[in-house]
Protein backbone atom coordinates (compact mmCIF):
# COMPACT_ATOMS: atom_id res chain seq x y z
CA MET A 1 -162.01 5.97 -2.50
CA LYS A 2 -160.64 5.86 -5.88
CA LYS A 3 -161.62 2.91 -7.97
CA ILE A 4 -159.05 0.87 -10.55
CA LEU A 5 -159.85 -1.56 -12.85
CA ILE A 6 -156.97 -4.02 -14.08
CA VAL A 7 -157.32 -5.57 -17.36
CA GLY A 8 -155.63 -9.30 -17.53
CA GLY A 9 -155.40 -12.24 -15.30
CA GLY A 10 -151.82 -13.39 -15.22
CA GLY A 11 -148.79 -12.87 -12.77
CA ARG A 12 -148.05 -9.42 -14.29
CA GLU A 13 -151.47 -8.00 -13.19
CA ALA A 14 -151.17 -10.05 -9.84
CA ALA A 15 -147.94 -7.82 -9.30
CA LEU A 16 -149.81 -4.87 -9.98
CA VAL A 17 -153.07 -5.57 -8.16
CA GLN A 18 -150.94 -6.68 -4.84
CA LYS A 19 -149.15 -3.65 -5.16
CA LEU A 20 -151.81 -1.22 -5.30
CA SER A 21 -153.66 -3.50 -2.45
CA ALA A 22 -151.63 -1.64 0.10
CA LEU A 23 -153.38 1.43 -0.42
CA GLU A 24 -156.92 2.69 0.23
CA LEU A 25 -158.13 1.87 -3.12
CA GLU A 26 -161.18 -0.27 -4.69
CA LEU A 27 -159.57 -2.91 -6.84
CA HIS A 28 -161.45 -4.57 -9.83
CA CYS A 29 -159.81 -7.07 -11.82
CA ALA A 30 -160.94 -8.84 -15.42
CA PRO A 31 -160.62 -11.76 -15.84
CA GLY A 32 -158.23 -12.05 -12.96
CA ASN A 33 -157.49 -15.54 -11.32
CA ALA A 34 -157.28 -17.46 -8.10
CA GLY A 35 -154.91 -15.50 -6.09
CA ILE A 36 -155.97 -12.25 -7.62
CA ALA A 37 -159.35 -12.68 -6.05
CA ARG A 38 -158.17 -12.04 -2.62
CA PHE A 39 -157.07 -8.64 -3.33
CA ALA A 40 -159.51 -7.60 -6.07
CA GLU A 41 -163.01 -8.06 -6.99
CA LEU A 42 -163.01 -10.22 -9.96
CA HIS A 43 -165.05 -9.73 -13.13
CA PRO A 44 -165.52 -12.81 -15.62
CA VAL A 45 -164.97 -10.38 -18.52
CA PRO A 46 -162.20 -11.80 -21.07
CA ALA A 47 -159.51 -9.16 -21.73
CA ASN A 48 -159.74 -9.08 -25.38
CA ASP A 49 -163.68 -8.82 -25.04
CA LEU A 50 -163.28 -4.89 -25.69
CA PRO A 51 -167.05 -3.78 -25.61
CA ALA A 52 -167.75 -5.61 -22.41
CA GLN A 53 -164.23 -4.10 -21.09
CA VAL A 54 -166.02 -0.56 -21.63
CA ALA A 55 -169.24 -1.45 -20.23
CA LEU A 56 -167.17 -3.10 -17.39
CA ALA A 57 -165.08 0.33 -16.76
CA GLN A 58 -168.36 2.39 -17.15
CA ARG A 59 -170.47 0.18 -14.87
CA THR A 60 -167.49 0.39 -11.34
CA LYS A 61 -167.00 3.97 -12.15
CA ALA A 62 -163.61 3.28 -12.52
CA ASP A 63 -161.39 6.50 -12.04
CA LEU A 64 -158.27 4.60 -14.01
CA VAL A 65 -158.35 1.40 -15.99
CA VAL A 66 -154.69 -0.20 -16.32
CA ILE A 67 -154.52 -2.66 -19.34
CA GLY A 68 -151.79 -5.66 -18.52
CA PRO A 69 -151.88 -7.72 -21.62
CA GLU A 70 -150.78 -6.60 -25.37
CA ASP A 71 -153.76 -7.90 -27.38
CA PRO A 72 -156.47 -5.70 -25.73
CA LEU A 73 -153.88 -2.61 -26.08
CA ALA A 74 -153.14 -3.53 -29.87
CA ALA A 75 -156.72 -4.22 -30.46
CA GLY A 76 -157.82 -0.56 -29.38
CA LEU A 77 -159.11 -0.94 -25.97
CA VAL A 78 -157.33 2.45 -25.18
CA ASN A 79 -158.83 4.62 -27.88
CA GLN A 80 -162.29 2.84 -26.85
CA LEU A 81 -162.03 3.60 -23.35
CA ARG A 82 -160.85 7.31 -24.16
CA ALA A 83 -163.83 7.87 -26.39
CA LYS A 84 -165.82 7.47 -23.40
CA GLN A 85 -163.76 9.82 -21.40
CA ILE A 86 -162.47 6.93 -19.26
CA SER A 87 -158.99 7.61 -17.68
CA VAL A 88 -156.77 4.74 -18.80
CA PHE A 89 -152.90 3.98 -18.56
CA GLY A 90 -151.96 2.68 -21.72
CA PRO A 91 -150.68 3.53 -25.33
CA SER A 92 -153.32 3.80 -28.57
CA ALA A 93 -153.71 0.99 -30.90
CA ALA A 94 -151.46 2.97 -33.25
CA ALA A 95 -148.88 3.24 -31.09
CA THR A 96 -148.87 -0.30 -29.98
CA GLN A 97 -147.55 -1.33 -33.64
CA ILE A 98 -143.96 -0.44 -31.85
CA GLU A 99 -144.78 -4.22 -30.33
CA ALA A 100 -147.46 -5.43 -32.50
CA SER A 101 -145.29 -5.62 -35.52
CA LYS A 102 -141.72 -6.06 -35.55
CA VAL A 103 -141.27 -4.77 -38.85
CA TRP A 104 -142.87 -1.78 -38.56
CA CYS A 105 -140.68 -1.06 -35.12
CA LYS A 106 -137.52 -1.95 -37.05
CA ARG A 107 -138.01 0.54 -39.80
CA LEU A 108 -139.13 3.01 -37.17
CA LEU A 109 -136.07 2.65 -35.59
CA GLN A 110 -133.67 2.31 -38.68
CA GLU A 111 -135.20 5.41 -40.03
CA ALA A 112 -134.67 7.36 -36.73
CA GLY A 113 -130.98 6.00 -36.49
CA ILE A 114 -131.73 3.97 -33.46
CA PRO A 115 -129.22 1.42 -32.88
CA THR A 116 -130.50 -1.85 -33.67
CA PRO A 117 -129.74 -4.94 -35.21
CA ILE A 118 -129.30 -5.40 -38.84
CA SER A 119 -132.23 -7.17 -40.37
CA ILE A 120 -134.04 -8.42 -43.71
CA VAL A 121 -137.64 -8.31 -43.95
CA PHE A 122 -139.28 -11.40 -45.86
CA SER A 123 -142.90 -12.05 -47.03
CA ASN A 124 -142.30 -15.22 -48.95
CA PRO A 125 -141.16 -18.49 -47.35
CA ALA A 126 -139.41 -19.62 -50.55
CA SER A 127 -137.37 -16.35 -50.98
CA ALA A 128 -136.51 -16.43 -47.13
CA LEU A 129 -135.20 -20.11 -47.55
CA ASN A 130 -132.97 -19.09 -50.57
CA ILE A 131 -131.28 -16.31 -49.03
CA LEU A 132 -130.40 -18.02 -45.74
CA ARG A 133 -129.34 -21.26 -47.58
CA LEU A 134 -126.68 -18.87 -48.95
CA ARG A 135 -125.68 -17.39 -45.78
CA GLU A 136 -124.05 -20.20 -44.33
CA ALA A 137 -121.30 -18.12 -43.02
CA GLU A 138 -123.53 -15.83 -41.20
CA TYR A 139 -125.28 -18.04 -38.77
CA PRO A 140 -125.92 -17.61 -36.08
CA LEU A 141 -129.03 -15.43 -36.80
CA VAL A 142 -132.32 -14.60 -35.26
CA ILE A 143 -135.58 -14.89 -37.10
CA LYS A 144 -138.76 -13.34 -35.53
CA ALA A 145 -142.37 -13.58 -36.50
CA ASP A 146 -143.64 -9.97 -37.49
CA GLY A 147 -146.43 -10.12 -35.25
CA LEU A 148 -147.67 -10.84 -31.36
CA ALA A 149 -146.79 -14.33 -30.41
CA GLN A 150 -146.84 -13.92 -26.51
CA GLY A 151 -142.88 -13.88 -26.29
CA LYS A 152 -142.57 -17.24 -28.21
CA GLY A 153 -142.08 -16.06 -32.07
CA VAL A 154 -138.21 -15.71 -31.67
CA LYS A 155 -135.96 -18.45 -33.04
CA ILE A 156 -131.98 -18.45 -32.43
CA CYS A 157 -130.68 -20.60 -35.65
CA ARG A 158 -127.29 -22.02 -35.46
CA ASN A 159 -127.54 -23.31 -39.06
CA PHE A 160 -129.70 -23.47 -41.99
CA LYS A 161 -131.60 -26.59 -40.77
CA ASP A 162 -132.58 -24.55 -37.57
CA ALA A 163 -133.62 -21.50 -39.86
CA GLU A 164 -135.70 -23.81 -42.37
CA ALA A 165 -137.47 -25.21 -39.20
CA ALA A 166 -138.32 -21.73 -38.09
CA VAL A 167 -139.32 -20.37 -41.08
CA ARG A 168 -141.71 -23.56 -41.79
CA GLN A 169 -143.05 -23.32 -38.60
CA ILE A 170 -143.93 -19.38 -38.72
CA MET A 171 -144.73 -18.78 -42.17
CA VAL A 172 -145.86 -22.22 -43.75
CA GLU A 173 -147.49 -23.84 -40.69
CA ARG A 174 -148.48 -20.64 -38.85
CA LYS A 175 -148.01 -21.87 -35.84
CA PHE A 176 -148.57 -18.07 -34.63
CA GLY A 177 -151.36 -17.53 -36.99
CA ASP A 178 -151.17 -13.95 -38.97
CA ALA A 179 -148.09 -12.91 -36.75
CA GLY A 180 -146.45 -15.16 -38.96
CA LYS A 181 -147.49 -13.47 -42.75
CA GLN A 182 -143.79 -11.64 -42.42
CA ILE A 183 -140.41 -12.45 -40.79
CA LEU A 184 -137.22 -10.42 -39.65
CA VAL A 185 -134.04 -12.18 -40.31
CA GLU A 186 -131.86 -10.21 -37.54
CA GLU A 187 -128.09 -10.67 -37.04
CA PHE A 188 -127.33 -12.34 -33.91
CA LEU A 189 -125.70 -10.15 -30.68
CA THR A 190 -123.59 -11.08 -28.23
CA GLY A 191 -123.42 -9.20 -25.03
CA ARG A 192 -125.43 -8.84 -21.66
CA GLU A 193 -129.58 -8.32 -21.82
CA CYS A 194 -131.37 -5.83 -19.67
CA SER A 195 -134.76 -4.96 -19.79
CA LEU A 196 -135.71 -0.91 -19.29
CA MET A 197 -139.50 -0.02 -18.58
CA VAL A 198 -139.67 3.69 -18.57
CA LEU A 199 -143.23 5.50 -17.64
CA THR A 200 -144.48 8.68 -19.86
CA ASP A 201 -147.46 10.82 -20.33
CA GLY A 202 -146.52 11.64 -24.00
CA VAL A 203 -143.81 14.45 -23.21
CA ASN A 204 -142.11 13.64 -19.58
CA VAL A 205 -140.51 10.16 -19.25
CA ILE A 206 -139.40 8.43 -15.97
CA PRO A 207 -137.23 5.32 -16.09
CA LEU A 208 -138.10 2.48 -13.70
CA PRO A 209 -135.11 0.30 -12.34
CA LEU A 210 -133.41 -1.82 -14.79
CA ALA A 211 -134.29 -5.72 -14.93
CA ARG A 212 -133.11 -8.85 -16.54
CA ASP A 213 -135.21 -11.56 -17.70
CA PHE A 214 -134.53 -15.11 -18.63
CA LYS A 215 -136.39 -16.07 -21.73
CA ARG A 216 -135.35 -19.94 -22.46
CA ALA A 217 -136.97 -22.82 -20.85
CA GLN A 218 -134.12 -24.36 -19.41
CA GLU A 219 -131.14 -23.86 -17.06
CA ASP A 220 -127.93 -22.35 -18.90
CA ASP A 221 -130.09 -20.68 -21.29
CA ARG A 222 -131.13 -24.01 -22.95
CA GLY A 223 -134.30 -25.04 -24.73
CA GLU A 224 -137.45 -22.97 -26.34
CA ASN A 225 -137.83 -19.21 -25.94
CA THR A 226 -140.63 -18.69 -23.56
CA GLY A 227 -142.78 -15.55 -22.08
CA GLY A 228 -140.36 -15.61 -19.50
CA MET A 229 -139.03 -17.92 -16.73
CA GLY A 230 -137.84 -15.50 -14.35
CA SER A 231 -136.22 -11.94 -13.61
CA PHE A 232 -134.16 -10.00 -11.25
CA ALA A 233 -134.03 -6.32 -10.29
CA PRO A 234 -131.92 -4.12 -10.08
CA VAL A 235 -129.16 -4.84 -12.36
CA PRO A 236 -125.77 -4.43 -10.63
CA ASP A 237 -123.71 -4.46 -13.93
CA VAL A 238 -125.25 -1.48 -15.55
CA ASP A 239 -124.33 1.92 -13.83
CA SER A 240 -126.01 5.53 -13.97
CA ALA A 241 -123.89 6.56 -16.55
CA LEU A 242 -124.90 3.29 -18.81
CA LYS A 243 -128.29 3.97 -17.98
CA ALA A 244 -128.08 7.54 -18.99
CA GLU A 245 -126.42 6.49 -22.68
CA ILE A 246 -129.32 4.02 -22.95
CA MET A 247 -132.00 6.99 -22.32
CA GLU A 248 -130.15 9.45 -24.59
CA THR A 249 -129.07 7.10 -27.30
CA ILE A 250 -132.64 4.71 -27.36
CA ILE A 251 -135.48 5.68 -25.46
CA TYR A 252 -135.72 9.75 -25.99
CA PRO A 253 -134.97 9.11 -29.75
CA THR A 254 -137.82 6.24 -29.91
CA LEU A 255 -140.17 8.28 -28.30
CA ALA A 256 -139.58 11.53 -30.56
CA ALA A 257 -139.76 8.81 -33.62
CA LEU A 258 -143.36 7.86 -32.54
CA ARG A 259 -144.31 11.71 -32.03
CA LYS A 260 -142.86 12.37 -35.71
CA VAL A 261 -144.84 9.96 -37.41
CA GLY A 262 -148.10 10.82 -35.29
CA CYS A 263 -148.07 8.15 -32.38
CA PHE A 264 -148.68 9.91 -29.01
CA TYR A 265 -147.31 7.53 -26.80
CA GLN A 266 -148.64 7.20 -22.91
CA GLY A 267 -148.16 4.50 -20.56
CA VAL A 268 -145.16 2.25 -20.23
CA LEU A 269 -142.60 1.39 -22.75
CA TYR A 270 -140.48 -1.75 -22.52
CA ALA A 271 -137.03 -1.89 -24.18
CA GLY A 272 -135.24 -5.06 -24.45
CA ILE A 273 -131.65 -3.86 -24.75
CA MET A 274 -128.26 -5.88 -25.58
CA LEU A 275 -125.37 -4.18 -24.07
CA THR A 276 -122.54 -4.87 -27.00
CA ASP A 277 -119.13 -4.06 -27.54
CA ARG A 278 -120.75 -1.14 -30.04
CA GLY A 279 -122.76 0.12 -27.27
CA PRO A 280 -126.07 -0.40 -26.44
CA MET A 281 -128.74 -1.83 -28.98
CA VAL A 282 -132.60 -2.13 -28.91
CA LEU A 283 -133.70 -5.87 -29.71
CA GLU A 284 -137.46 -5.01 -29.35
CA TYR A 285 -140.11 -2.76 -27.78
CA ASN A 286 -143.22 -4.02 -25.80
CA CYS A 287 -146.16 -1.79 -24.96
CA ARG A 288 -146.84 -2.99 -21.80
CA PHE A 289 -144.99 -4.17 -18.43
CA GLY A 290 -142.63 -6.94 -18.70
CA ASP A 291 -143.94 -10.36 -17.30
CA PRO A 292 -141.93 -11.38 -15.35
CA GLU A 293 -139.90 -8.28 -14.90
CA ILE A 294 -142.33 -6.01 -13.48
CA GLN A 295 -142.61 -8.65 -10.82
CA ALA A 296 -138.86 -7.86 -9.77
CA VAL A 297 -139.25 -4.03 -10.28
CA LEU A 298 -142.34 -3.22 -8.41
CA PRO A 299 -140.74 -4.24 -4.81
CA LEU A 300 -138.29 -1.42 -5.46
CA LEU A 301 -141.22 1.12 -5.60
CA THR A 302 -143.50 2.45 -2.91
CA ALA A 303 -146.97 1.55 -3.35
CA GLU A 304 -148.15 5.53 -3.15
CA CYS A 305 -145.38 6.39 -5.71
CA PHE A 306 -146.80 3.40 -8.22
CA SER A 307 -150.43 4.46 -7.77
CA ASP A 308 -149.32 8.29 -8.30
CA LEU A 309 -147.31 7.72 -11.22
CA LEU A 310 -150.04 5.41 -13.19
CA PHE A 311 -152.73 8.33 -12.39
CA ARG A 312 -150.07 11.05 -13.61
CA CYS A 313 -149.22 9.27 -16.86
CA ALA A 314 -152.97 9.06 -17.70
CA SER A 315 -153.63 12.43 -16.89
CA SER A 316 -150.51 14.06 -18.91
CA SER A 317 -149.27 15.37 -15.38
CA LEU A 318 -146.00 13.34 -15.14
CA ARG A 319 -143.56 16.46 -14.89
CA ASP A 320 -144.17 17.03 -11.10
CA ALA A 321 -144.17 13.50 -10.08
CA GLN A 322 -142.18 12.49 -6.70
CA ILE A 323 -140.46 9.27 -6.99
CA SER A 324 -139.99 7.36 -3.99
CA TRP A 325 -137.47 4.03 -4.61
CA VAL A 326 -137.15 1.40 -2.00
CA ASP A 327 -133.55 0.43 -1.51
CA GLN A 328 -134.00 -3.12 -2.03
CA SER A 329 -133.24 -6.22 -4.72
CA ALA A 330 -135.50 -8.62 -5.86
CA VAL A 331 -135.89 -11.91 -7.69
CA CYS A 332 -138.71 -13.97 -9.63
CA ILE A 333 -138.69 -17.45 -10.36
CA VAL A 334 -141.73 -18.56 -12.60
CA LEU A 335 -143.22 -21.96 -12.00
CA ALA A 336 -144.63 -23.47 -15.11
CA SER A 337 -146.47 -26.55 -16.38
CA GLY A 338 -144.60 -29.77 -17.35
CA GLY A 339 -144.62 -29.16 -21.08
CA TYR A 340 -144.32 -25.44 -21.42
CA PRO A 341 -143.78 -23.51 -23.82
CA GLY A 342 -145.45 -26.72 -25.65
CA PRO A 343 -148.66 -28.61 -24.75
CA TYR A 344 -149.36 -28.77 -20.88
CA GLU A 345 -152.04 -30.20 -18.57
CA LYS A 346 -154.46 -28.04 -16.85
CA GLY A 347 -156.33 -28.69 -13.62
CA LEU A 348 -153.67 -29.90 -11.40
CA PRO A 349 -154.26 -29.19 -7.85
CA ILE A 350 -151.52 -27.07 -6.28
CA SER A 351 -149.95 -27.34 -2.59
CA GLY A 352 -147.93 -25.10 -0.52
CA LEU A 353 -149.16 -21.87 -1.47
CA ASP A 354 -149.78 -20.67 2.17
CA ALA A 355 -146.55 -22.02 3.56
CA ALA A 356 -144.88 -20.08 0.80
CA GLY A 357 -146.75 -17.09 1.32
CA ALA A 358 -145.71 -16.91 4.95
CA LEU A 359 -142.17 -16.84 4.56
CA ASP A 360 -140.48 -13.53 5.27
CA GLY A 361 -139.68 -11.41 1.88
CA VAL A 362 -141.58 -14.03 0.00
CA GLN A 363 -144.64 -13.00 -2.25
CA VAL A 364 -146.72 -15.50 -4.38
CA LEU A 365 -148.13 -14.48 -7.27
CA HIS A 366 -150.52 -16.34 -9.28
CA ALA A 367 -150.22 -16.03 -13.10
CA GLY A 368 -152.15 -19.39 -14.66
CA THR A 369 -154.49 -20.54 -11.76
CA ALA A 370 -157.96 -21.52 -11.26
CA LEU A 371 -160.48 -22.76 -8.38
CA ASP A 372 -161.86 -25.96 -9.41
CA ASN A 373 -165.43 -27.22 -8.13
CA ALA A 374 -164.12 -28.11 -5.08
CA GLY A 375 -162.54 -24.93 -4.43
CA ARG A 376 -158.93 -25.95 -4.63
CA THR A 377 -156.45 -23.75 -6.45
CA VAL A 378 -155.33 -25.71 -9.57
CA THR A 379 -153.23 -25.31 -12.96
CA ALA A 380 -154.54 -23.12 -15.70
CA GLY A 381 -151.91 -21.90 -17.80
CA GLY A 382 -148.38 -22.58 -18.72
CA ARG A 383 -146.71 -20.01 -16.30
CA VAL A 384 -148.45 -20.75 -13.28
CA LEU A 385 -147.11 -19.09 -10.09
CA ASN A 386 -144.29 -16.33 -9.72
CA ILE A 387 -142.24 -16.58 -6.48
CA VAL A 388 -140.67 -13.22 -5.77
CA GLY A 389 -137.93 -12.60 -2.99
CA THR A 390 -137.02 -9.70 -1.88
CA ALA A 391 -134.18 -8.43 0.29
CA GLN A 392 -131.07 -6.09 0.58
CA ASP A 393 -129.19 -7.82 -1.77
CA LEU A 394 -129.87 -10.08 -4.77
CA PRO A 395 -127.97 -13.53 -3.52
CA THR A 396 -130.47 -13.05 -0.24
CA ALA A 397 -133.44 -12.20 -2.66
CA ARG A 398 -132.56 -15.21 -4.67
CA GLU A 399 -132.49 -17.57 -1.57
CA ARG A 400 -135.87 -16.54 -0.49
CA ALA A 401 -137.56 -17.26 -3.81
CA LEU A 402 -135.55 -20.49 -4.05
CA GLN A 403 -137.07 -21.38 -0.25
CA GLY A 404 -140.61 -20.31 -1.34
CA VAL A 405 -140.24 -22.46 -4.41
CA ARG A 406 -139.36 -25.65 -2.30
CA LEU A 407 -142.65 -25.48 -0.69
CA ILE A 408 -144.67 -25.42 -3.80
CA ASN A 409 -145.68 -28.38 -5.71
CA PHE A 410 -147.74 -29.71 -8.32
CA ASP A 411 -147.37 -32.66 -11.06
CA GLY A 412 -144.70 -31.56 -13.78
CA MET A 413 -144.02 -28.25 -12.25
CA GLN A 414 -140.64 -26.73 -13.67
CA PHE A 415 -138.55 -24.00 -13.02
CA ARG A 416 -135.11 -22.55 -13.73
CA SER A 417 -132.86 -22.64 -10.55
CA ASP A 418 -130.40 -20.52 -12.07
CA ILE A 419 -132.16 -17.20 -12.07
CA ALA A 420 -130.14 -14.64 -10.93
CA LYS A 421 -127.54 -17.21 -10.02
CA ASP A 422 -124.27 -15.54 -11.25
CA ILE A 423 -124.37 -11.95 -9.67
């Protein structure tokens, strides 16, 4: 029986574990969460403790390690595992710069002629504010922290007041630590957003179904940016011709540009795309599965196929892969703690989990959960649960997800009821 170690403990990792649990595999997860414990053996090893993760992979004799979060990827966990001849799904530390540094990524895209918004880089807050004050006619603008900020380092600024607050928060107050040493000031694009994740072994590429996510905390795209409040897949308004255009103008040139600078990219590459009047443009890249996008994409793929693709990516044998899609749609709704993405309370009991999970076409994925001393499942993070509805069409999948949401409760629970509403 093959052994797989999943690194991480959020909703993304829950989706990976539960998908693979349908197969005859020995699954391990570190650190995991209260829900993942039902499907894999948990190990209390922090995702960012690289030596301990390598030791765990050796101790469990893992045939494959799949790394979920971006931080251990950027810190070089893949490099350390490969140095010990351990098979791993994920890019090297050098290749993760495409997510870990928005400035590095932007330069790569611009030098390769890949369509992306116009931007300016600033490393001095005073200089940034001087320019932003003079560009009143160009608002709205987008200000992005250079480094990793858990999806919260992007600010849409409608005027100079917004821009000044964003610069001070990111560069002066250092809300996101060293991630705010530099910022990108970027043109604001209008259009339809979508997310495309592709699997690659460094040479061959397999695109997954497109997804659309909802980053703002409140309905109608109001409120602060979050790690993601929901998603759906597939995306009906992106046909095969448009997807092919994205592959030809964005994905393939990006992988070629990475190879040109010596970055051999294995794993999943996630592109955030804006469909504009000028054509598809890349907003950002991530070096891991989107969270919560992968929660809506995995139901569209068989477990056997997904497992095979993971192993093939890690062994550079993706060329001969056979793809088995499932003809259905999925909608993921995130249940978050009150106050998220700001401060929130932990340790609140959650009710209705079993009732929601028993519904037809509903999957309950744990994200920020834990067990208290009494054995109760309680909140332990900003994004607490992912409720995924699946059906032959998106409206039915959405209604199933909402049915699951209505059965679950914890104090302060917040969610967006408009996920996939106007499809």
